[in-house]
Amino acid sequence: MITDFILVMGGYLFGSVSTAILICKLMGLPDPRTEGSRNPGATNVLRIGGKKAAFLTLVGDMLKGLLPVLLARALGADPAIQAATALAAFLGHLYPVFFGLQGGKGVATALGVVFGLHWQVGLTVSALWLVMALLFRYSSLAALTAMLLAPGIFWWLRPEPAFIAVMAAITVILFWRHRENMANLLNGTEKKIRLRSDREPGS
């Protein structure tokens, strides 16, 4: 019981470390909570700091979801505790105790959680995101579509009730956190992913 509590609380605390804020501070960039979309996540860091800062943020946010789950598994935690640890890490990213409960929207951390629970599901969800992003070039649409299908993919590849339940909960929370993006998608004001070919010649 004590080990289970430490795993879940440790997952939340680890998730509470804001990669975006730390990366921006280390690289001399503006606080992502005050620039761009004011969201401390990889997409906003890309806008204000470029690809390198965004990549480091993305990797860090994914590791926040991945490592606590892998640790729980390594320590022999049952699926319910693995799932609880995963949810705690995800909530830590959204509501970080170290940063006034002002966190990101959770897509990268959710993806890390998926990989931690089952790597094949992680690869499938990542492939769905990539296909949607290339087809429509909306990061939010790609993420929401992939995560909407994630519980079903768990049911197909790893039908563990605790994993399906926690993924369904994460999906609902992700949709709530992206409600502004969904409104922007509906009214045509959501920003697209910019590719190199979109730029003016010589820029």
Protein backbone atom coordinates (compact mmCIF):
# COMPACT_ATOMS: atom_id res chain seq x y z
CA MET A 1 0.00 0.00 0.00
CA ILE A 2 2.81 2.43 0.87
CA THR A 3 4.64 1.63 -2.36
CA ASP A 4 1.44 2.15 -4.35
CA PHE A 5 0.88 5.53 -2.69
CA ILE A 6 4.47 6.60 -3.39
CA LEU A 7 4.14 5.56 -7.03
CA VAL A 8 0.95 7.54 -7.56
CA MET A 9 2.14 10.63 -5.68
CA GLY A 10 5.54 10.40 -7.33
CA GLY A 11 3.83 10.28 -10.71
CA TYR A 12 1.92 13.46 -9.92
CA LEU A 13 5.01 15.28 -8.66
CA PHE A 14 7.09 14.19 -11.64
CA GLY A 15 4.32 15.30 -13.97
CA SER A 16 4.25 18.66 -12.19
CA VAL A 17 7.73 19.56 -13.46
CA SER A 18 6.94 21.94 -16.35
CA THR A 19 9.31 21.10 -19.19
CA ALA A 20 8.19 24.08 -21.28
CA ILE A 21 8.87 26.63 -18.55
CA LEU A 22 12.24 25.12 -17.64
CA ILE A 23 13.40 24.83 -21.26
CA CYS A 24 12.37 28.40 -22.02
CA LYS A 25 14.16 29.67 -18.92
CA LEU A 26 17.35 27.74 -19.74
CA MET A 27 17.32 28.95 -23.35
CA GLY A 28 16.58 32.57 -22.47
CA LEU A 29 13.12 32.51 -24.04
CA PRO A 30 9.94 34.21 -22.77
CA ASP A 31 7.78 32.39 -20.26
CA PRO A 32 5.35 30.35 -22.41
CA ARG A 33 2.56 31.27 -19.99
CA THR A 34 2.85 34.90 -21.09
CA GLU A 35 3.50 34.60 -24.85
CA GLY A 36 1.69 33.11 -27.83
CA SER A 37 -1.22 30.95 -26.74
CA ARG A 38 0.00 31.20 -23.13
CA ASN A 39 0.05 27.43 -22.95
CA PRO A 40 3.20 25.79 -21.50
CA GLY A 41 3.41 23.07 -24.12
CA ALA A 42 5.51 22.10 -27.13
CA THR A 43 3.28 23.74 -29.75
CA ASN A 44 3.46 27.14 -28.07
CA VAL A 45 7.19 26.76 -27.44
CA LEU A 46 7.59 26.12 -31.17
CA ARG A 47 5.91 29.46 -31.86
CA ILE A 48 8.02 31.47 -29.45
CA GLY A 49 11.32 29.59 -29.43
CA GLY A 50 11.71 27.45 -32.54
CA LYS A 51 12.16 23.77 -33.32
CA LYS A 52 14.96 22.89 -30.90
CA ALA A 53 13.15 24.27 -27.86
CA ALA A 54 9.89 22.65 -28.99
CA PHE A 55 11.55 19.26 -29.54
CA LEU A 56 13.14 19.31 -26.09
CA THR A 57 9.79 20.27 -24.57
CA LEU A 58 7.99 17.50 -26.44
CA VAL A 59 10.49 14.86 -25.31
CA GLY A 60 10.40 16.08 -21.72
CA ASP A 61 6.61 16.11 -21.60
CA MET A 62 6.43 12.60 -23.04
CA LEU A 63 8.96 11.31 -20.50
CA LYS A 64 6.82 12.71 -17.69
CA GLY A 65 4.08 10.30 -18.73
CA LEU A 66 6.33 7.41 -19.71
CA LEU A 67 8.83 7.05 -16.86
CA PRO A 68 6.43 6.88 -13.87
CA VAL A 69 4.43 4.12 -15.58
CA LEU A 70 7.57 2.16 -16.47
CA LEU A 71 8.77 2.47 -12.87
CA ALA A 72 5.42 1.20 -11.57
CA ARG A 73 5.64 -1.78 -13.90
CA ALA A 74 9.27 -2.48 -12.95
CA LEU A 75 8.28 -2.55 -9.28
CA GLY A 76 5.56 -5.10 -9.99
CA ALA A 77 2.56 -2.83 -9.51
CA ASP A 78 -0.73 -4.31 -10.68
CA PRO A 79 -2.51 -2.79 -13.71
CA ALA A 80 -4.80 -0.64 -11.54
CA ILE A 81 -1.80 1.04 -9.87
CA GLN A 82 -0.04 1.46 -13.19
CA ALA A 83 -3.16 3.15 -14.52
CA ALA A 84 -3.50 5.34 -11.41
CA THR A 85 0.16 6.37 -11.71
CA ALA A 86 -0.39 7.21 -15.37
CA LEU A 87 -3.40 9.38 -14.57
CA ALA A 88 -1.52 11.10 -11.73
CA ALA A 89 1.40 11.99 -14.02
CA PHE A 90 -1.02 13.34 -16.62
CA LEU A 91 -2.86 15.45 -14.04
CA GLY A 92 0.47 16.70 -12.73
CA HIS A 93 1.25 18.11 -16.16
CA LEU A 94 -2.16 19.77 -16.38
CA TYR A 95 -2.19 21.08 -12.81
CA PRO A 96 1.45 21.29 -11.66
CA VAL A 97 1.84 21.92 -7.95
CA PHE A 98 5.19 23.66 -8.59
CA PHE A 99 3.77 26.21 -11.04
CA GLY A 100 0.53 27.43 -9.52
CA LEU A 101 -1.54 24.66 -11.14
CA GLN A 102 -1.02 26.33 -14.55
CA GLY A 103 -0.04 23.49 -16.86
CA GLY A 104 -0.25 22.47 -20.47
CA LYS A 105 -3.04 20.75 -22.37
CA GLY A 106 -1.52 17.31 -21.94
CA VAL A 107 -1.19 15.73 -25.38
CA ALA A 108 2.52 14.85 -25.20
CA THR A 109 2.25 13.59 -21.61
CA ALA A 110 -0.81 11.54 -22.55
CA LEU A 111 1.16 10.00 -25.41
CA GLY A 112 3.97 9.14 -23.00
CA VAL A 113 1.41 7.48 -20.75
CA VAL A 114 0.11 5.41 -23.67
CA PHE A 115 3.60 4.22 -24.54
CA GLY A 116 4.21 3.34 -20.90
CA LEU A 117 1.05 1.26 -20.66
CA HIS A 118 1.55 -0.50 -24.01
CA TRP A 119 4.14 0.41 -26.63
CA GLN A 120 2.14 -0.99 -29.55
CA VAL A 121 -0.82 1.19 -28.66
CA GLY A 122 1.60 4.10 -28.42
CA LEU A 123 2.91 3.47 -31.93
CA THR A 124 -0.62 3.14 -33.32
CA VAL A 125 -1.81 6.37 -31.68
CA SER A 126 1.33 8.19 -32.88
CA ALA A 127 0.74 6.97 -36.45
CA LEU A 128 -2.85 8.21 -36.31
CA TRP A 129 -1.69 11.62 -35.11
CA LEU A 130 0.90 11.84 -37.89
CA VAL A 131 -1.58 10.88 -40.62
CA MET A 132 -4.17 13.40 -39.40
CA ALA A 133 -1.53 16.12 -39.01
CA LEU A 134 -0.21 15.58 -42.55
CA LEU A 135 -3.70 15.45 -44.04
CA PHE A 136 -5.27 18.43 -42.28
CA ARG A 137 -2.30 20.23 -40.65
CA TYR A 138 -4.13 21.00 -37.44
CA SER A 139 -2.19 19.80 -34.41
CA SER A 140 -5.23 19.92 -32.14
CA LEU A 141 -7.44 17.97 -34.57
CA ALA A 142 -4.76 15.32 -35.02
CA ALA A 143 -4.26 14.93 -31.28
CA LEU A 144 -7.95 14.80 -30.42
CA THR A 145 -8.70 12.29 -33.16
CA ALA A 146 -5.85 10.00 -32.11
CA MET A 147 -6.76 10.18 -28.43
CA LEU A 148 -10.46 9.67 -29.13
CA LEU A 149 -9.57 6.33 -30.71
CA ALA A 150 -7.01 5.38 -28.06
CA PRO A 151 -9.44 3.59 -25.66
CA GLY A 152 -10.68 1.45 -28.54
CA ILE A 153 -7.12 0.66 -29.56
CA PHE A 154 -6.39 -0.46 -26.01
CA TRP A 155 -9.49 -2.67 -26.12
CA TRP A 156 -8.18 -4.18 -29.35
CA LEU A 157 -4.49 -4.65 -28.51
CA ARG A 158 -4.39 -4.73 -24.69
CA PRO A 159 -7.88 -5.31 -23.26
CA GLU A 160 -6.97 -4.48 -19.67
CA PRO A 161 -10.01 -2.78 -18.03
CA ALA A 162 -7.88 -0.44 -15.91
CA PHE A 163 -5.94 0.78 -18.95
CA ILE A 164 -9.10 1.28 -21.02
CA ALA A 165 -10.74 3.19 -18.16
CA VAL A 166 -7.81 5.51 -17.53
CA MET A 167 -7.43 6.19 -21.25
CA ALA A 168 -11.12 7.05 -21.51
CA ALA A 169 -10.74 9.47 -18.56
CA ILE A 170 -7.66 11.08 -20.12
CA THR A 171 -9.49 11.47 -23.43
CA VAL A 172 -12.43 13.23 -21.78
CA ILE A 173 -10.07 15.60 -19.94
CA LEU A 174 -8.12 16.30 -23.14
CA PHE A 175 -11.30 17.28 -24.95
CA TRP A 176 -12.22 19.60 -22.08
CA ARG A 177 -8.77 21.20 -22.13
CA HIS A 178 -9.04 21.68 -25.89
CA ARG A 179 -12.53 23.18 -25.91
CA GLU A 180 -11.18 26.52 -27.22
CA ASN A 181 -9.32 24.72 -30.00
CA MET A 182 -12.49 22.84 -30.94
CA ALA A 183 -14.39 26.11 -31.14
CA ASN A 184 -11.63 27.54 -33.34
CA LEU A 185 -11.78 24.49 -35.60
CA LEU A 186 -15.52 24.93 -36.02
CA ASN A 187 -15.28 28.62 -36.87
CA GLY A 188 -12.17 28.28 -39.04
CA THR A 189 -9.74 30.26 -36.88
CA GLU A 190 -7.55 27.43 -35.59
CA LYS A 191 -3.88 27.90 -36.54
CA LYS A 192 -2.43 25.30 -38.87
CA ILE A 193 0.92 23.55 -38.54
CA ARG A 194 3.38 25.58 -40.62
CA LEU A 195 5.65 23.64 -42.94
CA ARG A 196 8.89 24.91 -44.45
CA SER A 197 7.21 25.10 -47.86
CA ASP A 198 4.64 27.54 -46.46
CA ARG A 199 7.26 30.22 -45.94
CA GLU A 200 8.05 32.92 -48.39
CA PRO A 201 11.13 32.33 -50.56
CA GLY A 202 14.25 33.49 -48.77
CA SER A 203 12.56 33.64 -45.35
